[in-house]
C-alpha atoms as a PDB file:
ATOM      1  CA  UNK A   1     116.658 126.077  -7.000  1.00  0.00           C
ATOM      2  CA  UNK A   2     114.813 129.336  -7.016  1.00  0.00           C
ATOM      3  CA  UNK A   3     113.811 130.357  -3.640  1.00  0.00           C
ATOM      4  CA  UNK A   4     109.946 131.010  -3.683  1.00  0.00           C
ATOM      5  CA  UNK A   5     108.136 134.512  -2.589  1.00  0.00           C
ATOM      6  CA  UNK A   6     106.991 134.066   0.145  1.00  0.00           C
ATOM      7  CA  UNK A   7     103.813 136.334   0.357  1.00  0.00           C
ATOM      8  CA  UNK A   8     101.318 137.423  -2.343  1.00  0.00           C
ATOM      9  CA  UNK A   9      99.298 140.020  -2.202  1.00  0.00           C
ATOM     10  CA  UNK A  10      96.429 139.296  -3.838  1.00  0.00           C
ATOM     11  CA  UNK A  11      92.983 141.024  -5.683  1.00  0.00           C
ATOM     12  CA  UNK A  12      89.960 138.820  -5.848  1.00  0.00           C
ATOM     13  CA  UNK A  13      87.499 140.304  -8.128  1.00  0.00           C
ATOM     14  CA  UNK A  14      83.034 140.310  -8.246  1.00  0.00           C
ATOM     15  CA  UNK A  15      81.481 139.657 -11.169  1.00  0.00           C
ATOM     16  CA  UNK A  16      77.879 139.709 -12.318  1.00  0.00           C
ATOM     17  CA  UNK A  17      78.611 139.203 -16.216  1.00  0.00           C
ATOM     18  CA  UNK A  18      77.182 139.665 -18.657  1.00  0.00           C
ATOM     19  CA  UNK A  19      75.447 137.748 -21.838  1.00  0.00           C
ATOM     20  CA  UNK A  20      77.947 139.726 -23.962  1.00  0.00           C
ATOM     21  CA  UNK A  21      81.641 139.912 -24.700  1.00  0.00           C
ATOM     22  CA  UNK A  22      82.163 143.981 -24.753  1.00  0.00           C
ATOM     23  CA  UNK A  23      80.070 144.629 -21.204  1.00  0.00           C
ATOM     24  CA  UNK A  24      82.467 142.189 -19.837  1.00  0.00           C
ATOM     25  CA  UNK A  25      86.039 142.908 -20.938  1.00  0.00           C
ATOM     26  CA  UNK A  26      84.714 146.540 -19.471  1.00  0.00           C
ATOM     27  CA  UNK A  27      84.232 145.408 -15.967  1.00  0.00           C
ATOM     28  CA  UNK A  28      87.685 143.307 -16.383  1.00  0.00           C
ATOM     29  CA  UNK A  29      89.628 145.789 -17.058  1.00  0.00           C
ATOM     30  CA  UNK A  30      88.538 147.930 -14.215  1.00  0.00           C
ATOM     31  CA  UNK A  31      88.887 145.732 -12.366  1.00  0.00           C
ATOM     32  CA  UNK A  32      92.535 145.157 -12.612  1.00  0.00           C
ATOM     33  CA  UNK A  33      93.013 148.857 -12.430  1.00  0.00           C
ATOM     34  CA  UNK A  34      91.802 148.921  -9.148  1.00  0.00           C
ATOM     35  CA  UNK A  35      94.254 146.361  -8.369  1.00  0.00           C
ATOM     36  CA  UNK A  36      97.024 147.434  -9.776  1.00  0.00           C
ATOM     37  CA  UNK A  37      96.359 150.569  -7.989  1.00  0.00           C
ATOM     38  CA  UNK A  38      96.151 148.705  -4.917  1.00  0.00           C
ATOM     39  CA  UNK A  39      99.271 147.527  -5.463  1.00  0.00           C
ATOM     40  CA  UNK A  40      97.937 143.978  -6.174  1.00  0.00           C
ATOM     41  CA  UNK A  41     100.592 141.454  -7.817  1.00  0.00           C
ATOM     42  CA  UNK A  42      97.805 138.929  -8.704  1.00  0.00           C
ATOM     43  CA  UNK A  43      93.993 139.543  -9.622  1.00  0.00           C
ATOM     44  CA  UNK A  44      91.396 136.721  -9.998  1.00  0.00           C
ATOM     45  CA  UNK A  45      88.261 136.692 -11.567  1.00  0.00           C
ATOM     46  CA  UNK A  46      85.096 134.259 -11.425  1.00  0.00           C
ATOM     47  CA  UNK A  47      83.650 131.900 -13.849  1.00  0.00           C
ATOM     48  CA  UNK A  48      81.423 132.343 -17.205  1.00  0.00           C
ATOM     49  CA  UNK A  49      83.523 135.928 -16.335  1.00  0.00           C
ATOM     50  CA  UNK A  50      84.030 136.545 -20.146  1.00  0.00           C
ATOM     51  CA  UNK A  51      80.312 135.198 -21.319  1.00  0.00           C
ATOM     52  CA  UNK A  52      77.554 134.163 -19.274  1.00  0.00           C
ATOM     53  CA  UNK A  53      74.651 133.312 -21.801  1.00  0.00           C
ATOM     54  CA  UNK A  54      72.585 130.210 -21.385  1.00  0.00           C
ATOM     55  CA  UNK A  55      70.851 130.892 -24.935  1.00  0.00           C
ATOM     56  CA  UNK A  56      72.660 127.976 -27.060  1.00  0.00           C
ATOM     57  CA  UNK A  57      72.130 130.184 -30.646  1.00  0.00           C
ATOM     58  CA  UNK A  58      73.288 133.164 -29.144  1.00  0.00           C
ATOM     59  CA  UNK A  59      76.181 132.510 -27.541  1.00  0.00           C
ATOM     60  CA  UNK A  60      77.247 130.426 -30.458  1.00  0.00           C
ATOM     61  CA  UNK A  61      77.671 133.235 -32.490  1.00  0.00           C
ATOM     62  CA  UNK A  62      79.548 135.102 -30.452  1.00  0.00           C
ATOM     63  CA  UNK A  63      82.011 131.818 -29.139  1.00  0.00           C
ATOM     64  CA  UNK A  64      85.107 130.893 -31.268  1.00  0.00           C
ATOM     65  CA  UNK A  65      88.717 128.901 -30.661  1.00  0.00           C
ATOM     66  CA  UNK A  66      90.404 130.188 -27.566  1.00  0.00           C
ATOM     67  CA  UNK A  67      93.083 131.807 -30.140  1.00  0.00           C
ATOM     68  CA  UNK A  68      90.772 134.030 -31.252  1.00  0.00           C
ATOM     69  CA  UNK A  69      88.014 134.752 -27.951  1.00  0.00           C
ATOM     70  CA  UNK A  70      87.811 138.524 -27.422  1.00  0.00           C
ATOM     71  CA  UNK A  71      87.831 137.987 -23.787  1.00  0.00           C
ATOM     72  CA  UNK A  72      90.951 136.493 -23.657  1.00  0.00           C
ATOM     73  CA  UNK A  73      92.509 138.978 -25.841  1.00  0.00           C
ATOM     74  CA  UNK A  74      91.699 141.862 -23.473  1.00  0.00           C
ATOM     75  CA  UNK A  75      92.840 140.368 -20.501  1.00  0.00           C
ATOM     76  CA  UNK A  76      96.203 139.516 -22.325  1.00  0.00           C
ATOM     77  CA  UNK A  77      96.385 143.042 -22.914  1.00  0.00           C
ATOM     78  CA  UNK A  78      94.993 143.863 -19.588  1.00  0.00           C
ATOM     79  CA  UNK A  79      97.786 141.931 -18.083  1.00  0.00           C
ATOM     80  CA  UNK A  80     100.527 143.427 -20.092  1.00  0.00           C
ATOM     81  CA  UNK A  81      99.267 147.256 -20.083  1.00  0.00           C
ATOM     82  CA  UNK A  82      99.235 147.197 -15.655  1.00  0.00           C
ATOM     83  CA  UNK A  83     101.783 144.890 -15.410  1.00  0.00           C
ATOM     84  CA  UNK A  84      99.722 142.400 -13.071  1.00  0.00           C
ATOM     85  CA  UNK A  85      99.109 138.784 -13.064  1.00  0.00           C
ATOM     86  CA  UNK A  86      96.076 138.435 -14.036  1.00  0.00           C
ATOM     87  CA  UNK A  87      93.638 134.848 -14.104  1.00  0.00           C
ATOM     88  CA  UNK A  88      90.733 136.398 -15.832  1.00  0.00           C
ATOM     89  CA  UNK A  89      88.379 133.831 -14.224  1.00  0.00           C
ATOM     90  CA  UNK A  90      87.067 131.515 -17.241  1.00  0.00           C
ATOM     91  CA  UNK A  91      84.766 132.164 -20.458  1.00  0.00           C
ATOM     92  CA  UNK A  92      83.183 129.985 -23.110  1.00  0.00           C
ATOM     93  CA  UNK A  93      85.499 129.039 -26.616  1.00  0.00           C
ATOM     94  CA  UNK A  94      85.287 126.508 -29.157  1.00  0.00           C
ATOM     95  CA  UNK A  95      86.180 123.287 -28.827  1.00  0.00           C
ATOM     96  CA  UNK A  96      87.346 120.491 -31.162  1.00  0.00           C
ATOM     97  CA  UNK A  97      83.845 118.774 -31.072  1.00  0.00           C
ATOM     98  CA  UNK A  98      81.996 121.620 -31.852  1.00  0.00           C
ATOM     99  CA  UNK A  99      81.031 122.009 -28.062  1.00  0.00           C
ATOM    100  CA  UNK A 100      81.892 124.720 -26.253  1.00  0.00           C
ATOM    101  CA  UNK A 101      85.395 124.329 -23.152  1.00  0.00           C
ATOM    102  CA  UNK A 102      85.047 126.222 -19.889  1.00  0.00           C
ATOM    103  CA  UNK A 103      88.321 127.839 -20.647  1.00  0.00           C
ATOM    104  CA  UNK A 104      90.624 128.946 -17.855  1.00  0.00           C
ATOM    105  CA  UNK A 105      93.969 130.573 -18.481  1.00  0.00           C
ATOM    106  CA  UNK A 106      96.748 132.423 -15.891  1.00  0.00           C
ATOM    107  CA  UNK A 107      98.103 135.570 -17.561  1.00  0.00           C
ATOM    108  CA  UNK A 108     101.619 136.541 -16.894  1.00  0.00           C
ATOM    109  CA  UNK A 109     102.979 140.452 -16.340  1.00  0.00           C
ATOM    110  CA  UNK A 110     103.764 140.375 -19.669  1.00  0.00           C
ATOM    111  CA  UNK A 111     100.712 139.363 -21.403  1.00  0.00           C
ATOM    112  CA  UNK A 112     101.551 135.934 -22.221  1.00  0.00           C
ATOM    113  CA  UNK A 113      99.032 132.943 -20.872  1.00  0.00           C
ATOM    114  CA  UNK A 114     102.053 130.388 -19.019  1.00  0.00           C
ATOM    115  CA  UNK A 115      98.321 127.984 -18.241  1.00  0.00           C
ATOM    116  CA  UNK A 116      95.375 127.072 -20.069  1.00  0.00           C
ATOM    117  CA  UNK A 117      92.815 125.028 -18.171  1.00  0.00           C
ATOM    118  CA  UNK A 118      89.693 123.533 -18.977  1.00  0.00           C
ATOM    119  CA  UNK A 119      86.998 121.880 -17.116  1.00  0.00           C
ATOM    120  CA  UNK A 120      87.246 118.744 -16.232  1.00  0.00           C
ATOM    121  CA  UNK A 121      83.987 118.235 -14.631  1.00  0.00           C
ATOM    122  CA  UNK A 122      80.493 118.596 -15.523  1.00  0.00           C
ATOM    123  CA  UNK A 123      77.040 118.505 -14.045  1.00  0.00           C
ATOM    124  CA  UNK A 124      75.115 116.328 -15.706  1.00  0.00           C
ATOM    125  CA  UNK A 125      72.033 115.210 -13.180  1.00  0.00           C
ATOM    126  CA  UNK A 126      67.978 113.862 -13.836  1.00  0.00           C
ATOM    127  CA  UNK A 127      65.623 113.801 -11.106  1.00  0.00           C
ATOM    128  CA  UNK A 128      62.351 112.625 -11.508  1.00  0.00           C
ATOM    129  CA  UNK A 129      59.852 115.709 -12.351  1.00  0.00           C
ATOM    130  CA  UNK A 130      62.350 117.891 -12.881  1.00  0.00           C
ATOM    131  CA  UNK A 131      63.885 118.489 -16.736  1.00  0.00           C
ATOM    132  CA  UNK A 132      67.575 117.008 -17.203  1.00  0.00           C
ATOM    133  CA  UNK A 133      70.178 119.423 -17.032  1.00  0.00           C
ATOM    134  CA  UNK A 134      73.065 118.121 -19.365  1.00  0.00           C
ATOM    135  CA  UNK A 135      76.206 120.587 -19.111  1.00  0.00           C
ATOM    136  CA  UNK A 136      78.008 118.039 -21.280  1.00  0.00           C
ATOM    137  CA  UNK A 137      75.500 118.947 -24.107  1.00  0.00           C
ATOM    138  CA  UNK A 138      76.713 122.222 -24.641  1.00  0.00           C
ATOM    139  CA  UNK A 139      80.065 121.740 -23.160  1.00  0.00           C
ATOM    140  CA  UNK A 140      83.299 119.460 -23.830  1.00  0.00           C
ATOM    141  CA  UNK A 141      85.185 118.039 -20.648  1.00  0.00           C
ATOM    142  CA  UNK A 142      88.648 118.978 -19.791  1.00  0.00           C
ATOM    143  CA  UNK A 143      90.798 116.100 -19.436  1.00  0.00           C
ATOM    144  CA  UNK A 144      94.129 117.476 -18.257  1.00  0.00           C
ATOM    145  CA  UNK A 145      94.437 118.934 -14.431  1.00  0.00           C
ATOM    146  CA  UNK A 146      96.759 121.389 -15.139  1.00  0.00           C
ATOM    147  CA  UNK A 147     100.032 122.540 -11.674  1.00  0.00           C
ATOM    148  CA  UNK A 148     101.653 125.775 -13.040  1.00  0.00           C
ATOM    149  CA  UNK A 149     104.894 126.938 -11.553  1.00  0.00           C
ATOM    150  CA  UNK A 150     105.664 131.104 -10.337  1.00  0.00           C
ATOM    151  CA  UNK A 151     107.240 132.683  -8.511  1.00  0.00           C
ATOM    152  CA  UNK A 152     105.603 131.554  -5.475  1.00  0.00           C
ATOM    153  CA  UNK A 153     105.421 128.463  -5.926  1.00  0.00           C
ATOM    154  CA  UNK A 154     102.708 125.496  -7.352  1.00  0.00           C
ATOM    155  CA  UNK A 155      99.215 127.103  -8.272  1.00  0.00           C
ATOM    156  CA  UNK A 156      96.345 124.463  -9.120  1.00  0.00           C
ATOM    157  CA  UNK A 157      93.719 125.509 -11.433  1.00  0.00           C
ATOM    158  CA  UNK A 158      89.740 124.446 -10.986  1.00  0.00           C
ATOM    159  CA  UNK A 159      86.732 125.706 -12.261  1.00  0.00           C
ATOM    160  CA  UNK A 160      82.802 125.481  -9.809  1.00  0.00           C
ATOM    161  CA  UNK A 161      81.644 122.137 -10.298  1.00  0.00           C
ATOM    162  CA  UNK A 162      85.484 120.312  -9.735  1.00  0.00           C
ATOM    163  CA  UNK A 163      85.472 121.671  -6.806  1.00  0.00           C
ATOM    164  CA  UNK A 164      82.929 118.220  -5.267  1.00  0.00           C
ATOM    165  CA  UNK A 165      85.350 116.028  -6.585  1.00  0.00           C
ATOM    166  CA  UNK A 166      88.328 115.879  -3.686  1.00  0.00           C
ATOM    167  CA  UNK A 167      91.163 114.199  -5.416  1.00  0.00           C
ATOM    168  CA  UNK A 168      91.013 117.086  -8.045  1.00  0.00           C
ATOM    169  CA  UNK A 169      92.967 118.783  -4.856  1.00  0.00           C
ATOM    170  CA  UNK A 170      95.044 115.944  -2.902  1.00  0.00           C
ATOM    171  CA  UNK A 171      96.695 115.421  -6.199  1.00  0.00           C
ATOM    172  CA  UNK A 172      97.706 119.160  -6.128  1.00  0.00           C
ATOM    173  CA  UNK A 173      98.319 119.755  -2.711  1.00  0.00           C
ATOM    174  CA  UNK A 174     100.497 116.155  -2.859  1.00  0.00           C
ATOM    175  CA  UNK A 175     102.590 118.008  -5.808  1.00  0.00           C
ATOM    176  CA  UNK A 176     102.810 121.166  -3.643  1.00  0.00           C
ATOM    177  CA  UNK A 177     100.370 123.079  -4.842  1.00  0.00           C
ATOM    178  CA  UNK A 178     100.284 126.304  -2.196  1.00  0.00           C
ATOM    179  CA  UNK A 179      97.538 128.147  -4.045  1.00  0.00           C
ATOM    180  CA  UNK A 180      94.680 126.623  -5.673  1.00  0.00           C
ATOM    181  CA  UNK A 181      92.371 128.857  -7.906  1.00  0.00           C
ATOM    182  CA  UNK A 182      88.253 128.565  -8.239  1.00  0.00           C
ATOM    183  CA  UNK A 183      86.745 130.375  -9.883  1.00  0.00           C
ATOM    184  CA  UNK A 184      82.860 129.940  -9.799  1.00  0.00           C
ATOM    185  CA  UNK A 185      79.410 130.439 -10.762  1.00  0.00           C
ATOM    186  CA  UNK A 186      77.475 128.579  -8.008  1.00  0.00           C
ATOM    187  CA  UNK A 187      73.482 128.439  -7.828  1.00  0.00           C
ATOM    188  CA  UNK A 188      72.252 130.587  -4.955  1.00  0.00           C
ATOM    189  CA  UNK A 189      70.359 127.353  -2.905  1.00  0.00           C
ATOM    190  CA  UNK A 190      73.442 124.966  -3.286  1.00  0.00           C
ATOM    191  CA  UNK A 191      75.555 127.811  -2.426  1.00  0.00           C
ATOM    192  CA  UNK A 192      73.908 128.480   0.231  1.00  0.00           C
ATOM    193  CA  UNK A 193      74.368 124.530   1.467  1.00  0.00           C
ATOM    194  CA  UNK A 194      77.640 124.301   0.374  1.00  0.00           C
ATOM    195  CA  UNK A 195      79.692 126.914  -0.745  1.00  0.00           C
ATOM    196  CA  UNK A 196      81.542 127.724   1.763  1.00  0.00           C
ATOM    197  CA  UNK A 197      82.026 124.763   3.229  1.00  0.00           C
ATOM    198  CA  UNK A 198      83.086 122.671   0.544  1.00  0.00           C
ATOM    199  CA  UNK A 199      85.980 125.449  -0.072  1.00  0.00           C
ATOM    200  CA  UNK A 200      87.372 125.067   3.517  1.00  0.00           C
ATOM    201  CA  UNK A 201      87.202 121.457   3.136  1.00  0.00           C
ATOM    202  CA  UNK A 202      89.335 121.717   0.097  1.00  0.00           C
ATOM    203  CA  UNK A 203      91.324 124.226   2.112  1.00  0.00           C
ATOM    204  CA  UNK A 204      91.712 122.238   5.174  1.00  0.00           C
ATOM    205  CA  UNK A 205      92.874 118.843   3.272  1.00  0.00           C
ATOM    206  CA  UNK A 206      95.567 119.844   1.458  1.00  0.00           C
ATOM    207  CA  UNK A 207      97.214 123.174   3.499  1.00  0.00           C
ATOM    208  CA  UNK A 208      96.805 125.211   0.342  1.00  0.00           C
ATOM    209  CA  UNK A 209      95.055 128.645  -0.109  1.00  0.00           C
ATOM    210  CA  UNK A 210      91.772 128.444  -2.461  1.00  0.00           C
ATOM    211  CA  UNK A 211      91.061 131.581  -4.125  1.00  0.00           C
ATOM    212  CA  UNK A 212      87.447 131.520  -5.266  1.00  0.00           C
ATOM    213  CA  UNK A 213      86.279 134.546  -7.390  1.00  0.00           C
ATOM    214  CA  UNK A 214      82.484 134.067  -8.055  1.00  0.00           C
ATOM    215  CA  UNK A 215      79.753 135.469 -10.199  1.00  0.00           C
ATOM    216  CA  UNK A 216      76.919 137.225  -7.526  1.00  0.00           C
ATOM    217  CA  UNK A 217      73.489 138.641  -8.476  1.00  0.00           C
ATOM    218  CA  UNK A 218      70.716 138.544 -10.871  1.00  0.00           C
ATOM    219  CA  UNK A 219      72.181 137.865 -14.347  1.00  0.00           C
ATOM    220  CA  UNK A 220      71.339 139.418 -17.764  1.00  0.00           C
ATOM    221  CA  UNK A 221      70.890 135.890 -19.157  1.00  0.00           C
ATOM    222  CA  UNK A 222      67.604 135.530 -16.034  1.00  0.00           C
ATOM    223  CA  UNK A 223      70.104 133.268 -13.903  1.00  0.00           C
ATOM    224  CA  UNK A 224      70.998 134.229 -10.651  1.00  0.00           C
ATOM    225  CA  UNK A 225      74.557 133.458  -8.630  1.00  0.00           C
ATOM    226  CA  UNK A 226      75.313 132.737  -4.980  1.00  0.00           C
ATOM    227  CA  UNK A 227      78.085 135.282  -4.728  1.00  0.00           C
ATOM    228  CA  UNK A 228      80.380 135.399  -1.856  1.00  0.00           C
ATOM    229  CA  UNK A 229      83.778 135.355  -2.802  1.00  0.00           C
ATOM    230  CA  UNK A 230      86.103 133.748  -0.842  1.00  0.00           C
ATOM    231  CA  UNK A 231      89.748 133.620   0.570  1.00  0.00           C
ATOM    232  CA  UNK A 232      90.347 130.921   2.178  1.00  0.00           C
ATOM    233  CA  UNK A 233      93.703 130.051   4.463  1.00  0.00           C
ATOM    234  CA  UNK A 234      95.475 126.580   4.662  1.00  0.00           C
ATOM    235  CA  UNK A 235      93.953 126.139   8.261  1.00  0.00           C
ATOM    236  CA  UNK A 236      90.289 127.075   7.086  1.00  0.00           C
ATOM    237  CA  UNK A 237      89.450 130.185   7.973  1.00  0.00           C
ATOM    238  CA  UNK A 238      87.671 132.211   5.654  1.00  0.00           C
ATOM    239  CA  UNK A 239      90.483 135.400   5.372  1.00  0.00           C
ATOM    240  CA  UNK A 240      88.427 137.400   2.695  1.00  0.00           C
ATOM    241  CA  UNK A 241      84.351 137.196   1.645  1.00  0.00           C
ATOM    242  CA  UNK A 242      82.804 139.657  -0.560  1.00  0.00           C
ATOM    243  CA  UNK A 243      79.117 138.592   0.240  1.00  0.00           C
ATOM    244  CA  UNK A 244      75.766 137.845  -1.971  1.00  0.00           C
ATOM    245  CA  UNK A 245      75.236 140.983  -4.248  1.00  0.00           C
ATOM    246  CA  UNK A 246      78.512 143.358  -4.047  1.00  0.00           C
ATOM    247  CA  UNK A 247      79.342 143.206  -7.794  1.00  0.00           C
ATOM    248  CA  UNK A 248      81.849 144.044  -9.427  1.00  0.00           C
ATOM    249  CA  UNK A 249      84.166 143.904  -6.428  1.00  0.00           C
ATOM    250  CA  UNK A 250      87.280 143.337  -5.462  1.00  0.00           C
ATOM    251  CA  UNK A 251      88.905 143.113  -1.702  1.00  0.00           C
ATOM    252  CA  UNK A 252      92.734 142.849  -1.881  1.00  0.00           C
ATOM    253  CA  UNK A 253      94.930 140.899   0.719  1.00  0.00           C
ATOM    254  CA  UNK A 254      98.137 140.047   1.222  1.00  0.00           C
ATOM    255  CA  UNK A 255      98.884 136.189   2.373  1.00  0.00           C
ATOM    256  CA  UNK A 256     101.466 134.605   3.708  1.00  0.00           C
ATOM    257  CA  UNK A 257     102.378 132.152   1.920  1.00  0.00           C
ATOM    258  CA  UNK A 258     104.828 130.218   4.718  1.00  0.00           C
ATOM    259  CA  UNK A 259     102.031 128.868   6.222  1.00  0.00           C
ATOM    260  CA  UNK A 260     101.116 126.473   3.558  1.00  0.00           C
ATOM    261  CA  UNK A 261     104.310 124.755   4.888  1.00  0.00           C
ATOM    262  CA  UNK A 262     103.400 125.223   8.666  1.00  0.00           C
ATOM    263  CA  UNK A 263      99.590 124.093   8.251  1.00  0.00           C
ATOM    264  CA  UNK A 264     101.635 120.703   6.120  1.00  0.00           C
ATOM    265  CA  UNK A 265     103.868 120.280   9.316  1.00  0.00           C
ATOM    266  CA  UNK A 266     101.414 120.118  12.032  1.00  0.00           C
ATOM    267  CA  UNK A 267      98.988 118.366  10.230  1.00  0.00           C
ATOM    268  CA  UNK A 268     100.904 115.946   7.337  1.00  0.00           C
ATOM    269  CA  UNK A 269      98.373 113.674   6.071  1.00  0.00           C
ATOM    270  CA  UNK A 270      99.489 114.569   2.244  1.00  0.00           C
ATOM    271  CA  UNK A 271     102.311 112.291   3.518  1.00  0.00           C
ATOM    272  CA  UNK A 272     100.841 109.687   5.562  1.00  0.00           C
ATOM    273  CA  UNK A 273      98.462 108.324   3.268  1.00  0.00           C
ATOM    274  CA  UNK A 274      98.027 105.032   2.400  1.00  0.00           C
ATOM    275  CA  UNK A 275      96.655 102.894  -0.071  1.00  0.00           C
ATOM    276  CA  UNK A 276      94.872  99.645   0.880  1.00  0.00           C
ATOM    277  CA  UNK A 277      92.208  97.355  -0.478  1.00  0.00           C
ATOM    278  CA  UNK A 278      88.677  98.252  -0.801  1.00  0.00           C
ATOM    279  CA  UNK A 279      86.125  94.681   0.602  1.00  0.00           C
ATOM    280  CA  UNK A 280      82.973  93.998  -0.036  1.00  0.00           C
ATOM    281  CA  UNK A 281      81.075  92.152   2.282  1.00  0.00           C
ATOM    282  CA  UNK A 282      77.652  90.801   1.860  1.00  0.00           C
ATOM    283  CA  UNK A 283      75.810  90.166   5.555  1.00  0.00           C
END
């Protein structure tokens, strides 16, 4: 068995993505250059990094299958040219049923996509007195959780709203994931209320590093996102916070991945779990 690398020099990038591919490609390439110049081995970017456009008709004219997506093609080329691992966040691509997929990949330093993940959980809600929000009208859900084995150990993939489903991360943790990605575009109200506490909870529950690159600021399509890209340690400590406004921006830090094994040895909840029967009683 190949010995795992004990440390990872990580770059986390924050963006304020535009409503077309070209400006976002330029920012992605800029952040790759910054990360590479700092000696980073991996750069992580936010959800919808490649395209953030809530105009369905306009977006449909730009979005195609993943294999011809311009943002992903540029990301593969940028990773290869820089010789860096790249998690370019996510971008909408055309799915088999005609809806989009919120699609994320991991690219190695040779420019190869070594893993691909489609966001599993979609935000559908209907509140009294408000227009319903139905993410599933435009996006189809993924149906596969992806754990990718790397020279640093297993990494788990997720996107934004997945963060609220702890069992996904628990499954990754039980399979030994040392790092979990949560690229996101949280709104300001939910970001203020839940973003940090949920990320810290997922890290503590699994004893893993959580890397959550985020969108920040006022976007071309009118939306506003919370920012605060975070890196969380297996003990729940905030190691990096890019704040609410800085976009594009990049933070560089070195992760001691042996902290994962130490945290799990101290709190062995991944091993101590037990099956149980749920019994309902009416009083």
